[in-house]
Amino acid sequence: MASQNGIIKINGQLGDLVFYKRGNTDVVRQKAAHKQQTEASKKSSRDFGTASRNAAYIRKAFAPLVKLYAYGDLLNRLNKRFIEIFKTIPTEQAGEKRLIDSDITLLKGFDFNSNKPLGTLWLSETDLHIEPDGLVKLILPKCELKSLLKPHPKATEARLQVMGFHFELNDHGGYEIMEVNDLVIPLNNSQFPKTTLTLSLNHQGDKALIFAMGISFFSGTARFADRRYYACKIIHALHVKDGVIVDFVAKPKVEREVVEQGDKLSWVVEEG
């Protein structure tokens, strides 16, 4: 940026130069050059847009849990996680990447509250079983309560909140959001009984099956709002095809093989 010192002051654009007033000073700057995107940049931009749309899809599906538990710029963190997921798709599909070809399991462990991982309050893993008849079961094992959770010191009960999201991966748009009643856990008990949540789902075709779980502590009907004592994360993220869990297998990069020419050409010396 430079200042105008002449008697005649110019205001507006002249070629690549832009003249304007900044405070009491007349200044001039060069117009920013328009950079044309390369084809690779366009493909990368399309894939970034697809990843962001998938992140928004998840965020909207779990909106009640996002409202209760989100902390620490969930939007940007979830976008970043989906960008990492899309990096598992072969580069040969750049510009045309789809979630069905990615490692969806990388979504597991995403914490809604960046200040407090769920594992510091809820100390047990939740088992997931898909039965041959299509039933899906989430199982909380029997154990001592003190080995299961770390409550707020003044809490009288804990409430476990679970939601599920089941949607088609073939871009057909079919989906199901599963809302579950809170599991109330009185903190005056010493034992926690084995507890099971059973769902009946249609697994025909390629589907994503995602569960998120949160925990909050209460005194009576009052929830403790201290973010050190509430947490939520995605506890399961699976690709299921016709009722069978699909394990992600990274496709090897395609290396261009240099083939040696069989019959080589030769110079011919002509007699003068």
C-alpha atoms as a PDB file:
ATOM      1  CA  MET A   1       0.000   0.000   0.000  1.00  0.00           C
ATOM      2  CA  ALA A   2       1.295   3.464  -0.948  1.00  0.00           C
ATOM      3  CA  SER A   3       0.021   7.009  -0.335  1.00  0.00           C
ATOM      4  CA  GLN A   4      -0.936   9.591  -2.975  1.00  0.00           C
ATOM      5  CA  ASN A   5       1.157  12.753  -2.711  1.00  0.00           C
ATOM      6  CA  GLY A   6       0.160  14.575  -5.885  1.00  0.00           C
ATOM      7  CA  ILE A   7      -2.138  17.591  -6.131  1.00  0.00           C
ATOM      8  CA  ILE A   8      -4.806  15.643  -7.998  1.00  0.00           C
ATOM      9  CA  LYS A   9      -6.241  12.783  -5.932  1.00  0.00           C
ATOM     10  CA  ILE A  10      -7.808   9.760  -7.656  1.00  0.00           C
ATOM     11  CA  ASN A  11     -10.616   7.688  -6.228  1.00  0.00           C
ATOM     12  CA  GLY A  12     -11.601   4.302  -7.718  1.00  0.00           C
ATOM     13  CA  GLN A  13      -9.906   1.713  -9.916  1.00  0.00           C
ATOM     14  CA  LEU A  14      -7.424   2.365 -12.710  1.00  0.00           C
ATOM     15  CA  GLY A  15      -6.115  -0.800 -14.345  1.00  0.00           C
ATOM     16  CA  ASP A  16      -4.658  -3.006 -11.611  1.00  0.00           C
ATOM     17  CA  LEU A  17      -4.508  -0.106  -9.147  1.00  0.00           C
ATOM     18  CA  VAL A  18      -7.206   0.780  -6.611  1.00  0.00           C
ATOM     19  CA  PHE A  19      -7.287   4.346  -5.229  1.00  0.00           C
ATOM     20  CA  TYR A  20      -9.199   5.090  -2.026  1.00  0.00           C
ATOM     21  CA  LYS A  21      -9.112   7.102   1.199  1.00  0.00           C
ATOM     22  CA  ARG A  22      -8.014   5.553   4.473  1.00  0.00           C
ATOM     23  CA  GLY A  23      -8.786   7.944   7.288  1.00  0.00           C
ATOM     24  CA  ASN A  24      -7.334  11.280   6.192  1.00  0.00           C
ATOM     25  CA  THR A  25      -4.810   9.736   3.828  1.00  0.00           C
ATOM     26  CA  ASP A  26      -5.249   9.029   0.134  1.00  0.00           C
ATOM     27  CA  VAL A  27      -3.749   5.610  -0.599  1.00  0.00           C
ATOM     28  CA  VAL A  28      -3.331   3.233  -3.507  1.00  0.00           C
ATOM     29  CA  ARG A  29      -2.923  -0.546  -3.641  1.00  0.00           C
ATOM     30  CA  GLN A  30      -2.645  -3.133  -6.363  1.00  0.00           C
ATOM     31  CA  LYS A  31      -5.734  -5.168  -7.094  1.00  0.00           C
ATOM     32  CA  ALA A  32      -5.473  -8.742  -5.886  1.00  0.00           C
ATOM     33  CA  ALA A  33      -4.661 -11.093  -8.720  1.00  0.00           C
ATOM     34  CA  HIS A  34      -7.298 -13.710  -9.492  1.00  0.00           C
ATOM     35  CA  LYS A  35      -5.732 -17.143  -9.331  1.00  0.00           C
ATOM     36  CA  GLN A  36      -7.282 -19.770 -11.531  1.00  0.00           C
ATOM     37  CA  GLN A  37      -7.875 -23.064  -9.756  1.00  0.00           C
ATOM     38  CA  THR A  38      -6.066 -26.120 -11.056  1.00  0.00           C
ATOM     39  CA  GLU A  39      -8.052 -29.286 -11.745  1.00  0.00           C
ATOM     40  CA  ALA A  40      -6.515 -30.867  -8.636  1.00  0.00           C
ATOM     41  CA  SER A  41      -7.657 -27.909  -6.528  1.00  0.00           C
ATOM     42  CA  LYS A  42     -11.187 -28.203  -7.911  1.00  0.00           C
ATOM     43  CA  LYS A  43     -11.299 -31.912  -7.032  1.00  0.00           C
ATOM     44  CA  SER A  44      -9.971 -31.228  -3.544  1.00  0.00           C
ATOM     45  CA  SER A  45     -12.580 -28.508  -3.076  1.00  0.00           C
ATOM     46  CA  ARG A  46     -15.398 -30.862  -4.115  1.00  0.00           C
ATOM     47  CA  ASP A  47     -14.210 -33.544  -1.692  1.00  0.00           C
ATOM     48  CA  PHE A  48     -13.897 -30.992   1.117  1.00  0.00           C
ATOM     49  CA  GLY A  49     -17.498 -29.944   0.446  1.00  0.00           C
ATOM     50  CA  THR A  50     -18.689 -33.562   0.563  1.00  0.00           C
ATOM     51  CA  ALA A  51     -16.839 -34.177   3.838  1.00  0.00           C
ATOM     52  CA  SER A  52     -18.352 -31.020   5.361  1.00  0.00           C
ATOM     53  CA  ARG A  53     -21.863 -32.042   4.284  1.00  0.00           C
ATOM     54  CA  ASN A  54     -21.423 -35.429   5.949  1.00  0.00           C
ATOM     55  CA  ALA A  55     -20.257 -33.707   9.138  1.00  0.00           C
ATOM     56  CA  ALA A  56     -23.369 -31.513   9.051  1.00  0.00           C
ATOM     57  CA  TYR A  57     -25.509 -34.625   8.504  1.00  0.00           C
ATOM     58  CA  ILE A  58     -24.136 -36.217  11.686  1.00  0.00           C
ATOM     59  CA  ARG A  59     -24.411 -32.987  13.663  1.00  0.00           C
ATOM     60  CA  LYS A  60     -28.071 -32.549  12.750  1.00  0.00           C
ATOM     61  CA  ALA A  61     -28.916 -36.197  13.492  1.00  0.00           C
ATOM     62  CA  PHE A  62     -27.506 -35.897  17.005  1.00  0.00           C
ATOM     63  CA  ALA A  63     -28.845 -32.357  17.562  1.00  0.00           C
ATOM     64  CA  PRO A  64     -30.318 -33.072  21.052  1.00  0.00           C
ATOM     65  CA  LEU A  65     -26.957 -34.379  22.298  1.00  0.00           C
ATOM     66  CA  VAL A  66     -25.077 -31.556  20.558  1.00  0.00           C
ATOM     67  CA  LYS A  67     -27.276 -29.051  22.394  1.00  0.00           C
ATOM     68  CA  LEU A  68     -26.600 -30.694  25.769  1.00  0.00           C
ATOM     69  CA  TYR A  69     -22.931 -31.579  25.438  1.00  0.00           C
ATOM     70  CA  ALA A  70     -21.178 -29.602  22.703  1.00  0.00           C
ATOM     71  CA  TYR A  71     -18.211 -27.572  23.859  1.00  0.00           C
ATOM     72  CA  GLY A  72     -14.971 -26.465  22.242  1.00  0.00           C
ATOM     73  CA  ASP A  73     -15.944 -25.634  18.648  1.00  0.00           C
ATOM     74  CA  LEU A  74     -17.633 -28.936  17.796  1.00  0.00           C
ATOM     75  CA  LEU A  75     -18.342 -27.816  14.213  1.00  0.00           C
ATOM     76  CA  ASN A  76     -14.702 -27.339  13.199  1.00  0.00           C
ATOM     77  CA  ARG A  77     -13.540 -30.440  15.084  1.00  0.00           C
ATOM     78  CA  LEU A  78     -16.167 -32.616  13.415  1.00  0.00           C
ATOM     79  CA  ASN A  79     -15.300 -31.204   9.969  1.00  0.00           C
ATOM     80  CA  LYS A  80     -11.639 -31.972  10.647  1.00  0.00           C
ATOM     81  CA  ARG A  81     -12.505 -35.536  11.657  1.00  0.00           C
ATOM     82  CA  PHE A  82     -14.433 -36.093   8.421  1.00  0.00           C
ATOM     83  CA  ILE A  83     -11.566 -34.698   6.371  1.00  0.00           C
ATOM     84  CA  GLU A  84      -9.334 -37.343   7.993  1.00  0.00           C
ATOM     85  CA  ILE A  85     -11.959 -39.996   7.203  1.00  0.00           C
ATOM     86  CA  PHE A  86     -12.075 -38.914   3.547  1.00  0.00           C
ATOM     87  CA  LYS A  87      -8.278 -39.180   3.359  1.00  0.00           C
ATOM     88  CA  THR A  88      -8.693 -42.959   3.675  1.00  0.00           C
ATOM     89  CA  ILE A  89     -10.355 -43.012   0.239  1.00  0.00           C
ATOM     90  CA  PRO A  90      -7.933 -43.680  -2.660  1.00  0.00           C
ATOM     91  CA  THR A  91      -6.609 -40.576  -4.382  1.00  0.00           C
ATOM     92  CA  GLU A  92      -7.780 -42.053  -7.708  1.00  0.00           C
ATOM     93  CA  GLN A  93     -11.310 -41.087  -6.587  1.00  0.00           C
ATOM     94  CA  ALA A  94     -10.385 -37.436  -5.989  1.00  0.00           C
ATOM     95  CA  GLY A  95     -13.314 -35.180  -6.758  1.00  0.00           C
ATOM     96  CA  GLU A  96     -15.748 -38.111  -6.529  1.00  0.00           C
ATOM     97  CA  LYS A  97     -15.122 -39.361  -2.983  1.00  0.00           C
ATOM     98  CA  ARG A  98     -18.032 -40.887  -1.083  1.00  0.00           C
ATOM     99  CA  LEU A  99     -18.454 -41.925   2.544  1.00  0.00           C
ATOM    100  CA  ILE A 100     -19.206 -45.527   1.546  1.00  0.00           C
ATOM    101  CA  ASP A 101     -15.575 -45.981   0.438  1.00  0.00           C
ATOM    102  CA  SER A 102     -14.029 -44.521   3.595  1.00  0.00           C
ATOM    103  CA  ASP A 103     -13.055 -45.834   7.024  1.00  0.00           C
ATOM    104  CA  ILE A 104     -16.186 -44.824   8.951  1.00  0.00           C
ATOM    105  CA  THR A 105     -14.803 -46.369  12.153  1.00  0.00           C
ATOM    106  CA  LEU A 106     -12.538 -43.316  12.554  1.00  0.00           C
ATOM    107  CA  LEU A 107     -15.642 -41.462  13.734  1.00  0.00           C
ATOM    108  CA  LYS A 108     -15.681 -43.619  16.868  1.00  0.00           C
ATOM    109  CA  GLY A 109     -14.300 -41.787  19.896  1.00  0.00           C
ATOM    110  CA  PHE A 110     -15.257 -38.277  18.746  1.00  0.00           C
ATOM    111  CA  ASP A 111     -16.014 -36.280  21.922  1.00  0.00           C
ATOM    112  CA  PHE A 112     -18.745 -33.632  21.852  1.00  0.00           C
ATOM    113  CA  ASN A 113     -17.218 -31.872  24.859  1.00  0.00           C
ATOM    114  CA  SER A 114     -13.558 -31.275  24.009  1.00  0.00           C
ATOM    115  CA  ASN A 115     -12.921 -30.276  27.624  1.00  0.00           C
ATOM    116  CA  LYS A 116     -13.970 -33.642  29.056  1.00  0.00           C
ATOM    117  CA  PRO A 117     -13.568 -37.036  27.341  1.00  0.00           C
ATOM    118  CA  LEU A 118     -16.403 -39.444  28.112  1.00  0.00           C
ATOM    119  CA  GLY A 119     -13.877 -42.041  29.286  1.00  0.00           C
ATOM    120  CA  THR A 120     -12.987 -39.942  32.319  1.00  0.00           C
ATOM    121  CA  LEU A 121     -16.578 -40.077  33.645  1.00  0.00           C
ATOM    122  CA  TRP A 122     -17.958 -43.309  32.194  1.00  0.00           C
ATOM    123  CA  LEU A 123     -15.313 -45.984  32.763  1.00  0.00           C
ATOM    124  CA  SER A 124     -16.804 -48.918  30.854  1.00  0.00           C
ATOM    125  CA  GLU A 125     -17.004 -49.858  27.199  1.00  0.00           C
ATOM    126  CA  THR A 126     -20.425 -50.550  25.681  1.00  0.00           C
ATOM    127  CA  ASP A 127     -20.659 -53.817  23.770  1.00  0.00           C
ATOM    128  CA  LEU A 128     -22.566 -53.895  20.482  1.00  0.00           C
ATOM    129  CA  HIS A 129     -23.967 -57.081  18.971  1.00  0.00           C
ATOM    130  CA  ILE A 130     -25.774 -57.499  15.650  1.00  0.00           C
ATOM    131  CA  GLU A 131     -27.933 -60.618  15.736  1.00  0.00           C
ATOM    132  CA  PRO A 132     -28.652 -62.762  12.627  1.00  0.00           C
ATOM    133  CA  ASP A 133     -32.316 -61.709  12.725  1.00  0.00           C
ATOM    134  CA  GLY A 134     -31.373 -58.015  12.421  1.00  0.00           C
ATOM    135  CA  LEU A 135     -31.655 -57.123  16.100  1.00  0.00           C
ATOM    136  CA  VAL A 136     -29.004 -54.767  17.431  1.00  0.00           C
ATOM    137  CA  LYS A 137     -28.090 -54.880  21.119  1.00  0.00           C
ATOM    138  CA  LEU A 138     -26.118 -52.394  23.197  1.00  0.00           C
ATOM    139  CA  ILE A 139     -25.005 -54.092  26.409  1.00  0.00           C
ATOM    140  CA  LEU A 140     -23.764 -52.480  29.627  1.00  0.00           C
ATOM    141  CA  PRO A 141     -22.025 -55.108  31.768  1.00  0.00           C
ATOM    142  CA  LYS A 142     -22.784 -55.918  35.412  1.00  0.00           C
ATOM    143  CA  CYS A 143     -20.223 -54.359  37.735  1.00  0.00           C
ATOM    144  CA  GLU A 144     -19.636 -52.339  40.887  1.00  0.00           C
ATOM    145  CA  LEU A 145     -20.902 -48.798  40.476  1.00  0.00           C
ATOM    146  CA  LYS A 146     -17.616 -47.273  41.609  1.00  0.00           C
ATOM    147  CA  SER A 147     -15.813 -49.034  38.762  1.00  0.00           C
ATOM    148  CA  LEU A 148     -18.390 -47.784  36.246  1.00  0.00           C
ATOM    149  CA  LEU A 149     -18.438 -44.011  36.658  1.00  0.00           C
ATOM    150  CA  LYS A 150     -16.931 -41.001  38.440  1.00  0.00           C
ATOM    151  CA  PRO A 151     -19.812 -38.789  39.591  1.00  0.00           C
ATOM    152  CA  HIS A 152     -20.072 -35.181  40.699  1.00  0.00           C
ATOM    153  CA  PRO A 153     -19.411 -35.229  44.490  1.00  0.00           C
ATOM    154  CA  LYS A 154     -22.883 -33.803  45.245  1.00  0.00           C
ATOM    155  CA  ALA A 155     -24.848 -35.800  42.658  1.00  0.00           C
ATOM    156  CA  THR A 156     -27.645 -38.161  43.650  1.00  0.00           C
ATOM    157  CA  GLU A 157     -28.065 -39.792  40.244  1.00  0.00           C
ATOM    158  CA  ALA A 158     -26.464 -40.134  36.827  1.00  0.00           C
ATOM    159  CA  ARG A 159     -28.374 -40.112  33.568  1.00  0.00           C
ATOM    160  CA  LEU A 160     -27.085 -41.955  30.549  1.00  0.00           C
ATOM    161  CA  GLN A 161     -28.341 -40.655  27.208  1.00  0.00           C
ATOM    162  CA  VAL A 162     -28.007 -42.641  24.004  1.00  0.00           C
ATOM    163  CA  MET A 163     -28.967 -41.882  20.411  1.00  0.00           C
ATOM    164  CA  GLY A 164     -28.497 -43.897  17.234  1.00  0.00           C
ATOM    165  CA  PHE A 165     -28.278 -42.894  13.574  1.00  0.00           C
ATOM    166  CA  HIS A 166     -28.819 -45.483  10.832  1.00  0.00           C
ATOM    167  CA  PHE A 167     -28.589 -44.312   7.225  1.00  0.00           C
ATOM    168  CA  GLU A 168     -27.978 -45.517   3.695  1.00  0.00           C
ATOM    169  CA  LEU A 169     -24.512 -45.113   2.218  1.00  0.00           C
ATOM    170  CA  ASN A 170     -25.586 -45.366  -1.420  1.00  0.00           C
ATOM    171  CA  ASP A 171     -26.843 -41.771  -1.567  1.00  0.00           C
ATOM    172  CA  HIS A 172     -30.487 -42.858  -1.559  1.00  0.00           C
ATOM    173  CA  GLY A 173     -31.223 -40.639   1.424  1.00  0.00           C
ATOM    174  CA  GLY A 174     -32.993 -43.182   3.661  1.00  0.00           C
ATOM    175  CA  TYR A 175     -32.241 -42.807   7.357  1.00  0.00           C
ATOM    176  CA  GLU A 176     -33.522 -43.532  10.853  1.00  0.00           C
ATOM    177  CA  ILE A 177     -32.790 -41.571  14.033  1.00  0.00           C
ATOM    178  CA  MET A 178     -33.185 -43.594  17.226  1.00  0.00           C
ATOM    179  CA  GLU A 179     -33.952 -41.670  20.391  1.00  0.00           C
ATOM    180  CA  VAL A 180     -33.744 -43.555  23.681  1.00  0.00           C
ATOM    181  CA  ASN A 181     -35.210 -42.783  27.085  1.00  0.00           C
ATOM    182  CA  ASP A 182     -32.611 -41.710  29.655  1.00  0.00           C
ATOM    183  CA  LEU A 183     -31.156 -44.501  31.750  1.00  0.00           C
ATOM    184  CA  VAL A 184     -31.349 -43.217  35.337  1.00  0.00           C
ATOM    185  CA  ILE A 185     -28.641 -44.611  37.624  1.00  0.00           C
ATOM    186  CA  PRO A 186     -29.170 -43.978  41.377  1.00  0.00           C
ATOM    187  CA  LEU A 187     -25.804 -43.300  42.979  1.00  0.00           C
ATOM    188  CA  ASN A 188     -26.756 -44.776  46.351  1.00  0.00           C
ATOM    189  CA  ASN A 189     -26.544 -48.297  44.886  1.00  0.00           C
ATOM    190  CA  SER A 190     -23.272 -50.187  45.078  1.00  0.00           C
ATOM    191  CA  GLN A 191     -23.972 -52.511  42.138  1.00  0.00           C
ATOM    192  CA  PHE A 192     -24.932 -51.878  38.529  1.00  0.00           C
ATOM    193  CA  PRO A 193     -26.934 -54.679  36.871  1.00  0.00           C
ATOM    194  CA  LYS A 194     -26.352 -55.877  33.311  1.00  0.00           C
ATOM    195  CA  THR A 195     -28.496 -53.608  31.132  1.00  0.00           C
ATOM    196  CA  THR A 196     -29.408 -54.101  27.470  1.00  0.00           C
ATOM    197  CA  LEU A 197     -30.898 -51.847  24.811  1.00  0.00           C
ATOM    198  CA  THR A 198     -32.440 -53.779  21.902  1.00  0.00           C
ATOM    199  CA  LEU A 199     -33.314 -52.281  18.507  1.00  0.00           C
ATOM    200  CA  SER A 200     -34.788 -53.827  15.383  1.00  0.00           C
ATOM    201  CA  LEU A 201     -33.278 -52.398  12.195  1.00  0.00           C
ATOM    202  CA  ASN A 202     -33.458 -53.101   8.491  1.00  0.00           C
ATOM    203  CA  HIS A 203     -29.886 -53.817   7.441  1.00  0.00           C
ATOM    204  CA  GLN A 204     -30.551 -54.529   3.768  1.00  0.00           C
ATOM    205  CA  GLY A 205     -27.930 -52.828   1.615  1.00  0.00           C
ATOM    206  CA  ASP A 206     -24.997 -50.673   2.679  1.00  0.00           C
ATOM    207  CA  LYS A 207     -25.777 -48.755   5.870  1.00  0.00           C
ATOM    208  CA  ALA A 208     -23.868 -46.689   8.419  1.00  0.00           C
ATOM    209  CA  LEU A 209     -24.718 -47.429  12.050  1.00  0.00           C
ATOM    210  CA  ILE A 210     -23.596 -44.804  14.549  1.00  0.00           C
ATOM    211  CA  PHE A 211     -24.295 -44.527  18.284  1.00  0.00           C
ATOM    212  CA  ALA A 212     -23.489 -41.607  20.580  1.00  0.00           C
ATOM    213  CA  MET A 213     -23.688 -41.703  24.364  1.00  0.00           C
ATOM    214  CA  GLY A 214     -23.581 -38.961  26.970  1.00  0.00           C
ATOM    215  CA  ILE A 215     -23.622 -38.811  30.741  1.00  0.00           C
ATOM    216  CA  SER A 216     -24.823 -36.046  33.054  1.00  0.00           C
ATOM    217  CA  PHE A 217     -25.128 -35.830  36.830  1.00  0.00           C
ATOM    218  CA  PHE A 218     -28.121 -34.565  38.772  1.00  0.00           C
ATOM    219  CA  SER A 219     -29.128 -33.554  42.262  1.00  0.00           C
ATOM    220  CA  GLY A 220     -32.850 -34.173  42.257  1.00  0.00           C
ATOM    221  CA  THR A 221     -34.079 -32.647  38.982  1.00  0.00           C
ATOM    222  CA  ALA A 222     -31.199 -30.158  38.690  1.00  0.00           C
ATOM    223  CA  ARG A 223     -28.431 -30.989  36.207  1.00  0.00           C
ATOM    224  CA  PHE A 224     -24.905 -29.950  37.138  1.00  0.00           C
ATOM    225  CA  ALA A 225     -23.801 -27.541  34.399  1.00  0.00           C
ATOM    226  CA  ASP A 226     -20.103 -27.737  35.295  1.00  0.00           C
ATOM    227  CA  ARG A 227     -18.552 -28.964  32.025  1.00  0.00           C
ATOM    228  CA  ARG A 228     -16.101 -31.080  34.022  1.00  0.00           C
ATOM    229  CA  TYR A 229     -19.056 -33.321  34.864  1.00  0.00           C
ATOM    230  CA  TYR A 230     -20.788 -33.925  31.554  1.00  0.00           C
ATOM    231  CA  ALA A 231     -19.449 -35.704  28.497  1.00  0.00           C
ATOM    232  CA  CYS A 232     -20.604 -37.356  25.296  1.00  0.00           C
ATOM    233  CA  LYS A 233     -18.916 -39.182  22.456  1.00  0.00           C
ATOM    234  CA  ILE A 234     -19.584 -41.429  19.477  1.00  0.00           C
ATOM    235  CA  ILE A 235     -19.190 -44.910  20.926  1.00  0.00           C
ATOM    236  CA  HIS A 236     -19.772 -46.960  17.756  1.00  0.00           C
ATOM    237  CA  ALA A 237     -19.435 -46.174  14.040  1.00  0.00           C
ATOM    238  CA  LEU A 238     -19.849 -49.059  11.622  1.00  0.00           C
ATOM    239  CA  HIS A 239     -20.398 -49.879   7.974  1.00  0.00           C
ATOM    240  CA  VAL A 240     -22.978 -52.689   7.852  1.00  0.00           C
ATOM    241  CA  LYS A 241     -23.891 -54.510   4.637  1.00  0.00           C
ATOM    242  CA  ASP A 242     -26.911 -56.837   4.768  1.00  0.00           C
ATOM    243  CA  GLY A 243     -26.475 -57.236   8.521  1.00  0.00           C
ATOM    244  CA  VAL A 244     -22.744 -57.983   8.417  1.00  0.00           C
ATOM    245  CA  ILE A 245     -20.099 -55.543   9.652  1.00  0.00           C
ATOM    246  CA  VAL A 246     -17.813 -54.464   6.804  1.00  0.00           C
ATOM    247  CA  ASP A 247     -14.173 -54.156   7.812  1.00  0.00           C
ATOM    248  CA  PHE A 248     -12.387 -51.324   6.062  1.00  0.00           C
ATOM    249  CA  VAL A 249      -9.511 -52.417   3.867  1.00  0.00           C
ATOM    250  CA  ALA A 250      -7.317 -49.653   2.506  1.00  0.00           C
ATOM    251  CA  LYS A 251      -6.820 -49.978  -1.210  1.00  0.00           C
ATOM    252  CA  PRO A 252      -3.148 -49.950  -2.267  1.00  0.00           C
ATOM    253  CA  LYS A 253      -1.931 -47.005  -4.240  1.00  0.00           C
ATOM    254  CA  VAL A 254      -1.707 -47.637  -7.950  1.00  0.00           C
ATOM    255  CA  GLU A 255       1.915 -47.409  -9.005  1.00  0.00           C
ATOM    256  CA  ARG A 256       2.645 -46.763 -12.646  1.00  0.00           C
ATOM    257  CA  GLU A 257       4.851 -49.564 -13.846  1.00  0.00           C
ATOM    258  CA  VAL A 258       7.610 -48.720 -16.281  1.00  0.00           C
ATOM    259  CA  VAL A 259       7.632 -51.452 -18.944  1.00  0.00           C
ATOM    260  CA  GLU A 260      10.868 -51.925 -20.803  1.00  0.00           C
ATOM    261  CA  GLN A 261      10.431 -51.804 -24.548  1.00  0.00           C
ATOM    262  CA  GLY A 262      10.978 -55.193 -26.185  1.00  0.00           C
ATOM    263  CA  ASP A 263      12.203 -54.252 -29.661  1.00  0.00           C
ATOM    264  CA  LYS A 264      14.330 -51.132 -29.496  1.00  0.00           C
ATOM    265  CA  LEU A 265      14.729 -48.790 -32.396  1.00  0.00           C
ATOM    266  CA  SER A 266      18.115 -48.321 -33.963  1.00  0.00           C
ATOM    267  CA  TRP A 267      19.778 -45.599 -35.935  1.00  0.00           C
ATOM    268  CA  VAL A 268      20.369 -46.315 -39.613  1.00  0.00           C
ATOM    269  CA  VAL A 269      23.435 -44.781 -41.156  1.00  0.00           C
ATOM    270  CA  GLU A 270      22.834 -43.915 -44.782  1.00  0.00           C
ATOM    271  CA  GLU A 271      25.720 -43.956 -47.216  1.00  0.00           C
ATOM    272  CA  GLY A 272      26.327 -40.575 -48.794  1.00  0.00           C
END
